[in-house]
Protein backbone atom coordinates (compact mmCIF):
# COMPACT_ATOMS: atom_id res chain seq x y z
CA MET A 1 139.16 58.20 62.40
CA ASP A 2 137.24 61.76 62.25
CA LEU A 3 139.30 63.35 59.37
CA GLN A 4 137.71 66.98 60.06
CA LYS A 5 138.41 67.11 63.88
CA LEU A 6 142.24 65.49 62.78
CA THR A 7 142.44 68.22 60.20
CA ARG A 8 143.88 72.13 61.19
CA PRO A 9 139.86 74.10 61.68
CA ASN A 10 141.53 76.78 59.03
CA VAL A 11 143.06 74.15 56.54
CA TRP A 12 139.22 72.18 56.53
CA GLN A 13 137.40 75.42 55.59
CA LEU A 14 140.36 76.78 53.81
CA LYS A 15 139.03 78.13 50.07
CA PRO A 16 141.95 76.85 48.06
CA TYR A 17 143.75 79.31 45.42
CA SER A 18 142.25 78.56 41.43
CA CYS A 19 144.58 78.74 39.07
CA ALA A 20 143.76 79.27 35.02
CA ARG A 21 144.22 75.97 34.17
CA ASN A 22 142.35 74.21 37.44
CA GLU A 23 139.43 76.14 35.92
CA PHE A 24 139.59 74.55 32.62
CA GLN A 25 140.24 71.07 31.54
CA GLY A 26 140.91 69.79 28.14
CA GLU A 27 142.34 71.26 25.12
CA ALA A 28 142.25 74.20 23.54
CA SER A 29 143.83 75.49 20.32
CA VAL A 30 143.99 78.91 21.87
CA TYR A 31 145.44 79.97 25.27
CA LEU A 32 144.42 83.69 26.44
CA ASP A 33 143.80 82.83 30.38
CA ALA A 34 147.51 82.40 32.16
CA ASN A 35 149.02 85.45 31.42
CA GLU A 36 151.65 83.60 29.54
CA SER A 37 153.81 84.76 27.04
CA PRO A 38 152.99 83.13 23.51
CA TYR A 39 156.16 82.52 22.52
CA GLY A 40 159.14 79.47 23.73
CA ALA A 41 156.36 76.19 23.55
CA PRO A 42 156.13 74.60 25.21
CA TYR A 43 157.93 75.63 27.98
CA ASN A 44 156.06 78.88 27.97
CA ARG A 45 152.60 77.36 29.08
CA TYR A 46 152.05 76.29 32.87
CA PRO A 47 152.44 72.50 33.61
CA ASP A 48 148.94 70.88 34.46
CA PRO A 49 148.95 71.59 38.39
CA LEU A 50 147.04 68.27 38.90
CA GLN A 51 149.75 66.23 36.89
CA LEU A 52 146.63 64.09 35.62
CA GLN A 53 148.44 62.15 32.48
CA VAL A 54 151.12 61.58 35.63
CA LYS A 55 148.88 59.84 37.58
CA LYS A 56 146.98 58.06 35.54
CA ARG A 57 150.03 56.11 34.83
CA ILE A 58 151.35 55.53 37.75
CA GLY A 59 148.28 54.01 38.53
CA GLU A 60 148.33 51.61 35.70
CA VAL A 61 151.87 51.00 37.27
CA LYS A 62 151.35 50.44 40.84
CA ASN A 63 147.65 49.74 40.51
CA VAL A 64 146.28 52.70 42.31
CA SER A 65 143.40 54.94 41.40
CA PRO A 66 144.53 58.14 40.59
CA ASP A 67 142.45 59.57 42.98
CA SER A 68 144.57 58.27 45.93
CA ILE A 69 147.50 59.91 44.59
CA PHE A 70 149.09 63.03 45.69
CA LEU A 71 152.25 63.73 43.38
CA GLY A 72 155.31 66.17 45.58
CA ASN A 73 158.33 68.13 44.96
CA GLY A 74 160.53 65.07 46.41
CA SER A 75 158.68 63.22 49.47
CA ASP A 76 159.72 65.75 51.45
CA GLU A 77 156.59 68.05 49.98
CA PRO A 78 154.23 65.36 51.26
CA ILE A 79 155.74 65.25 54.49
CA ASP A 80 155.60 69.32 54.89
CA LEU A 81 152.01 69.21 54.03
CA LEU A 82 150.97 66.33 56.40
CA TYR A 83 152.41 69.00 59.45
CA ARG A 84 150.57 71.73 58.09
CA ALA A 85 147.23 69.92 57.36
CA PHE A 86 146.85 68.14 60.45
CA CYS A 87 149.09 69.54 63.26
CA GLU A 88 148.42 72.86 65.10
CA PRO A 89 151.95 74.53 66.29
CA LYS A 90 152.88 74.80 70.03
CA GLU A 91 149.63 71.96 70.42
CA ASP A 92 150.03 68.78 68.68
CA ASN A 93 152.75 66.35 68.63
CA VAL A 94 154.21 63.65 66.29
CA VAL A 95 155.28 60.21 67.60
CA ALA A 96 158.87 58.45 65.27
CA ILE A 97 160.37 55.46 65.55
CA GLU A 98 164.34 56.05 65.95
CA PRO A 99 166.97 56.39 64.45
CA THR A 100 164.80 57.25 60.88
CA TYR A 101 164.93 60.22 58.06
CA GLY A 102 165.29 63.05 59.77
CA MET A 103 163.57 65.41 57.86
CA TYR A 104 160.40 64.13 59.33
CA ARG A 105 161.84 65.76 62.59
CA VAL A 106 163.21 69.01 60.85
CA CYS A 107 159.74 69.72 59.48
CA ALA A 108 158.52 69.08 62.73
CA ASP A 109 160.97 71.83 64.33
CA ILE A 110 159.94 74.34 61.04
CA ASN A 111 156.23 73.87 61.82
CA ASN A 112 156.57 73.94 65.57
CA VAL A 113 155.34 70.57 66.22
CA GLU A 114 156.65 68.58 69.30
CA TYR A 115 158.66 65.19 68.10
CA ARG A 116 158.57 62.63 70.03
CA THR A 117 160.84 59.32 69.30
CA VAL A 118 160.59 55.33 70.33
CA ALA A 119 163.60 53.84 69.77
CA LEU A 120 164.18 50.47 68.35
CA ASP A 121 165.77 47.90 69.77
CA GLU A 122 168.78 46.44 69.32
CA ASN A 123 168.04 44.64 65.70
CA PHE A 124 166.07 48.35 64.57
CA GLN A 125 162.70 46.40 64.81
CA LEU A 126 159.70 48.35 66.28
CA SER A 127 157.96 47.34 69.66
CA ALA A 128 154.09 48.72 68.52
CA ALA A 129 152.81 48.67 72.21
CA LYS A 130 156.30 51.06 72.98
CA LEU A 131 155.26 53.50 70.12
CA LEU A 132 151.38 53.57 71.13
CA SER A 133 152.23 54.47 74.96
CA ALA A 134 154.01 57.55 73.75
CA CYS A 135 150.87 58.60 71.74
CA ASP A 136 148.37 60.55 73.56
CA ALA A 137 145.33 63.16 72.96
CA HIS A 138 147.58 65.04 70.68
CA THR A 139 149.21 63.13 68.93
CA LYS A 140 148.20 63.44 64.91
CA LEU A 141 150.65 61.65 62.97
CA VAL A 142 153.07 58.43 63.64
CA TRP A 143 155.88 57.86 61.32
CA LEU A 144 157.25 54.78 60.09
CA CYS A 145 159.93 53.95 57.64
CA SER A 146 160.52 50.56 55.99
CA PRO A 147 162.87 49.69 54.84
CA ASN A 148 164.36 51.87 57.54
CA ASN A 149 167.08 54.66 56.87
CA PRO A 150 169.33 54.52 58.22
CA SER A 151 169.58 50.95 59.56
CA GLY A 152 168.28 49.51 55.96
CA ASN A 153 165.81 46.70 57.44
CA ARG A 154 162.18 46.06 56.92
CA LEU A 155 160.18 46.91 59.78
CA ASP A 156 157.91 43.79 60.99
CA GLU A 157 154.61 43.78 59.33
CA LYS A 158 152.54 42.73 62.40
CA GLU A 159 153.99 45.50 64.40
CA ILE A 160 153.41 48.23 61.65
CA LEU A 161 149.80 46.73 61.05
CA ASN A 162 149.13 47.01 65.28
CA VAL A 163 150.47 50.51 64.85
CA ILE A 164 147.95 51.08 62.37
CA LYS A 165 144.66 49.68 63.93
CA GLY A 166 145.79 50.86 67.34
CA PHE A 167 146.40 54.88 66.22
CA ASP A 168 143.25 56.70 65.81
CA GLY A 169 145.54 59.52 63.96
CA LEU A 170 147.66 59.03 60.94
CA VAL A 171 150.39 56.53 60.43
CA ILE A 172 152.93 57.77 57.41
CA LEU A 173 154.75 54.40 56.17
CA ASP A 174 157.96 55.76 54.01
CA GLU A 175 158.08 53.00 51.78
CA ALA A 176 161.21 55.16 49.45
CA TYR A 177 163.23 51.72 49.36
CA ILE A 178 160.68 49.16 49.03
CA ASP A 179 161.64 48.52 45.44
CA PHE A 180 164.76 46.83 46.88
CA SER A 181 162.58 44.48 49.25
CA ALA A 182 161.64 41.03 48.71
CA GLU A 183 158.92 41.57 50.81
CA VAL A 184 156.07 42.68 50.32
CA HIS A 185 154.86 46.49 50.33
CA PHE A 186 151.77 47.68 52.04
CA LEU A 187 150.35 49.73 48.88
CA PRO A 188 147.43 46.60 48.09
CA LEU A 189 146.07 47.25 51.88
CA LEU A 190 145.97 50.89 51.57
CA HIS A 191 142.00 50.87 50.96
CA ASN A 192 141.40 48.85 53.85
CA TYR A 193 142.71 51.05 56.05
CA PRO A 194 141.68 55.01 56.07
CA ASN A 195 144.07 56.25 58.58
CA LEU A 196 147.26 55.28 56.32
CA VAL A 197 149.32 57.31 54.27
CA ILE A 198 152.26 55.44 52.50
CA LEU A 199 155.24 57.94 50.63
CA GLN A 200 157.44 56.16 47.55
CA THR A 201 159.43 57.97 45.63
CA PHE A 202 161.54 58.27 42.06
CA SER A 203 164.58 59.24 43.52
CA LYS A 204 165.87 55.16 44.63
CA ALA A 205 164.97 52.48 42.05
CA TRP A 206 163.57 54.35 39.54
CA ALA A 207 167.21 56.42 38.93
CA SER A 208 165.57 59.73 39.00
CA ALA A 209 166.73 61.84 42.09
CA ALA A 210 167.47 64.75 40.37
CA ILE A 211 164.14 65.74 38.88
CA ARG A 212 162.20 65.50 42.76
CA LEU A 213 159.33 63.61 42.63
CA GLY A 214 157.40 61.72 45.24
CA MET A 215 154.45 60.08 45.51
CA ALA A 216 151.96 59.80 48.45
CA PHE A 217 149.47 57.56 48.61
CA ALA A 218 146.07 57.48 50.76
CA SER A 219 142.34 58.03 50.93
CA PRO A 220 141.02 60.34 48.08
CA GLU A 221 139.91 62.60 51.38
CA ILE A 222 143.32 62.88 52.50
CA VAL A 223 144.65 63.54 48.90
CA GLY A 224 142.19 66.29 48.53
CA ILE A 225 143.63 68.34 51.45
CA LEU A 226 147.08 67.67 50.60
CA THR A 227 146.16 69.00 46.93
CA LYS A 228 144.41 72.27 48.68
CA ILE A 229 147.02 73.36 50.64
CA LYS A 230 150.35 72.90 48.32
CA TYR A 231 151.17 75.56 46.04
CA PRO A 232 149.24 75.58 42.58
CA TYR A 233 152.33 74.05 40.18
CA ASN A 234 154.53 72.54 42.55
CA ILE A 235 155.05 69.94 39.85
CA ASN A 236 157.06 71.66 36.81
CA ILE A 237 156.84 70.05 33.09
CA LEU A 238 160.16 68.81 32.37
CA THR A 239 159.57 66.60 35.60
CA GLN A 240 156.07 65.35 34.39
CA GLN A 241 157.60 64.74 31.23
CA HIS A 242 160.86 62.91 32.29
CA VAL A 243 158.91 60.75 34.87
CA LEU A 244 156.34 59.55 31.59
CA SER A 245 158.97 58.66 30.48
CA VAL A 246 160.75 56.85 33.01
CA LEU A 247 157.45 54.77 33.38
CA GLU A 248 157.50 53.40 30.11
CA ASN A 249 160.72 51.99 30.85
CA HIS A 250 159.59 49.64 34.08
CA GLU A 251 161.02 46.45 32.99
CA GLN A 252 164.77 47.87 32.75
CA VAL A 253 163.72 49.51 36.38
CA ARG A 254 163.33 45.57 37.64
CA GLN A 255 166.77 44.95 35.56
CA ARG A 256 168.75 47.71 37.20
CA VAL A 257 167.10 46.75 41.00
CA ALA A 258 168.12 43.25 40.24
CA ASP A 259 171.56 44.57 39.41
CA ILE A 260 171.81 46.52 42.64
CA LEU A 261 170.78 43.35 44.46
CA VAL A 262 173.75 41.13 43.32
CA GLN A 263 176.21 44.05 44.04
CA ARG A 264 174.79 44.33 47.28
CA GLU A 265 175.46 41.13 48.24
CA TRP A 266 179.42 41.36 46.94
CA LEU A 267 179.78 44.24 48.82
CA CYS A 268 178.30 42.41 52.01
CA GLU A 269 180.59 39.42 51.21
CA ASN A 270 183.74 41.63 50.49
CA LEU A 271 183.22 43.95 53.20
CA LEU A 272 183.27 41.14 55.88
CA LYS A 273 186.40 39.81 55.28
CA LEU A 274 188.27 43.11 56.31
CA SER A 275 189.41 43.23 59.61
CA PHE A 276 188.11 46.43 61.11
CA VAL A 277 184.09 45.58 59.68
CA GLU A 278 182.42 44.41 63.00
CA LYS A 279 179.15 43.91 61.67
CA ILE A 280 176.85 44.70 58.69
CA TYR A 281 173.37 45.23 59.56
CA PRO A 282 170.36 43.08 57.09
CA SER A 283 169.55 45.45 54.49
CA ASP A 284 166.31 45.48 52.30
CA ALA A 285 167.57 48.76 50.88
CA ASN A 286 170.00 49.92 48.27
CA PHE A 287 172.45 50.44 51.01
CA LEU A 288 174.67 48.74 53.72
CA LEU A 289 174.88 49.76 57.17
CA VAL A 290 178.38 48.97 58.39
CA LYS A 291 179.48 48.78 61.77
CA VAL A 292 183.70 49.49 61.97
CA THR A 293 186.29 49.55 64.30
CA ASP A 294 186.85 54.02 63.65
CA ALA A 295 184.11 54.96 61.52
CA ASN A 296 185.16 58.74 61.79
CA THR A 297 188.99 57.99 60.82
CA ILE A 298 187.78 55.59 58.01
CA TYR A 299 185.27 58.53 56.75
CA ARG A 300 187.87 61.06 56.68
CA THR A 301 190.53 59.06 54.74
CA LEU A 302 187.60 57.66 52.15
CA ILE A 303 186.53 62.00 52.14
CA GLU A 304 190.49 62.71 51.17
CA LYS A 305 190.82 59.82 48.15
CA GLY A 306 187.28 61.57 46.60
CA ILE A 307 185.08 58.49 47.71
CA VAL A 308 182.27 59.78 49.86
CA VAL A 309 180.04 57.41 52.34
CA ARG A 310 177.98 58.57 55.54
CA ASN A 311 179.28 58.32 58.77
CA ARG A 312 175.89 57.74 60.76
CA SER A 313 178.37 57.99 64.30
CA SER A 314 176.33 60.52 65.63
CA VAL A 315 173.18 58.78 64.83
CA ALA A 316 171.01 56.88 68.18
CA LEU A 317 172.11 53.12 67.98
CA CYS A 318 174.61 53.77 65.20
CA ASN A 319 177.88 54.20 66.72
CA ASN A 320 180.67 54.05 64.84
CA CYS A 321 178.22 52.96 61.57
CA LEU A 322 179.47 53.67 57.96
CA ARG A 323 175.93 54.13 55.51
CA ILE A 324 177.31 52.97 52.33
CA THR A 325 175.22 53.29 49.00
CA VAL A 326 175.52 50.02 46.84
CA GLY A 327 177.13 51.71 43.53
CA THR A 328 177.93 50.45 40.18
CA PRO A 329 180.42 47.06 40.11
CA GLU A 330 183.46 49.67 38.94
CA GLU A 331 182.62 52.09 42.13
CA ASN A 332 181.86 48.99 44.42
CA ALA A 333 185.01 47.73 43.33
CA ILE A 334 186.99 51.36 44.16
CA LEU A 335 185.92 51.17 47.49
CA TYR A 336 186.71 47.88 48.77
CA GLN A 337 190.15 48.22 47.31
CA MET A 338 190.69 51.22 48.93
CA LEU A 339 189.43 49.91 52.49
CA ALA A 340 191.50 47.40 51.28
CA THR A 341 195.14 49.00 51.02
CA CYS A 342 194.29 51.91 53.38
CA PHE A 343 192.55 50.58 56.67
CA GLU A 344 194.04 47.17 57.10
CA PHE A 345 195.74 48.37 60.23
CA LEU A 346 192.41 49.80 61.65
CA LYS A 347 191.63 45.94 63.74
CA LYS A 348 188.71 45.09 65.73
């Protein structure tokens, strides 16, 4: 893969903005470089623009070199930056599986990049051959999500590898839900494939959706390009402080994940007892995709009762499907009781 050829020429040649804290590293007793207020410490100071301390700790936890880590304002920031760095508007295209996470398409539309889809099969599995056949000389990015959203299943590992090996652009593998899967993630293979970008997040297993912190793992060269075009202080100091605290409690995270998996099994077993539940798709995530007889009616009634799930009926291959996040035992019990008492009139 020729990274320079893949990158937009203006981005490759771009001289990035140099902020005050980029020009100085280390500790000082007096900071008079950034036109900050001298009052209100510590929130008067700009945060570390490169998040070096956070990246160092993430690298230790995930066994990845810090120079292969990019941090964004949620995973949506690196998704958008990948378009901005590598896709020429009105000229290039990307290829994605369908159905999948909706922001890949939204960012393509924002950046005026053609978005091509390749349907998964009835089991929500990928055909590498079909996906690669949709690519051409102007295809810069391929989007894969595993475990996938909204289906919840892991994509076949061999098919993912076939895509990575068979595509000369960047393959982005979104592993937002990987902590809930028993299968091995792709992060240990990152150094084997220079065209691979892996997305992960603190919003799911790490129980920190409010702080908006996403991770992109890639070669140092790709990370350098994303860093060059990001906003200077994209991760605020409150987020950096919180995530360092969370990373010190990764054993608690593992226990919470284990609890969620137990509840996922409980929810699956009990929902299948309901006459209007036709199918529950296998899940490697913290949610279930549930096919029912009348998703619209069930969804509207649950909303009226103060219970919010996602109606995915308008999504490809998901007709009459609800996506239900695994909650606490108390939340799951409330949902089940409401479904059992209110909807038994809906028959298969």
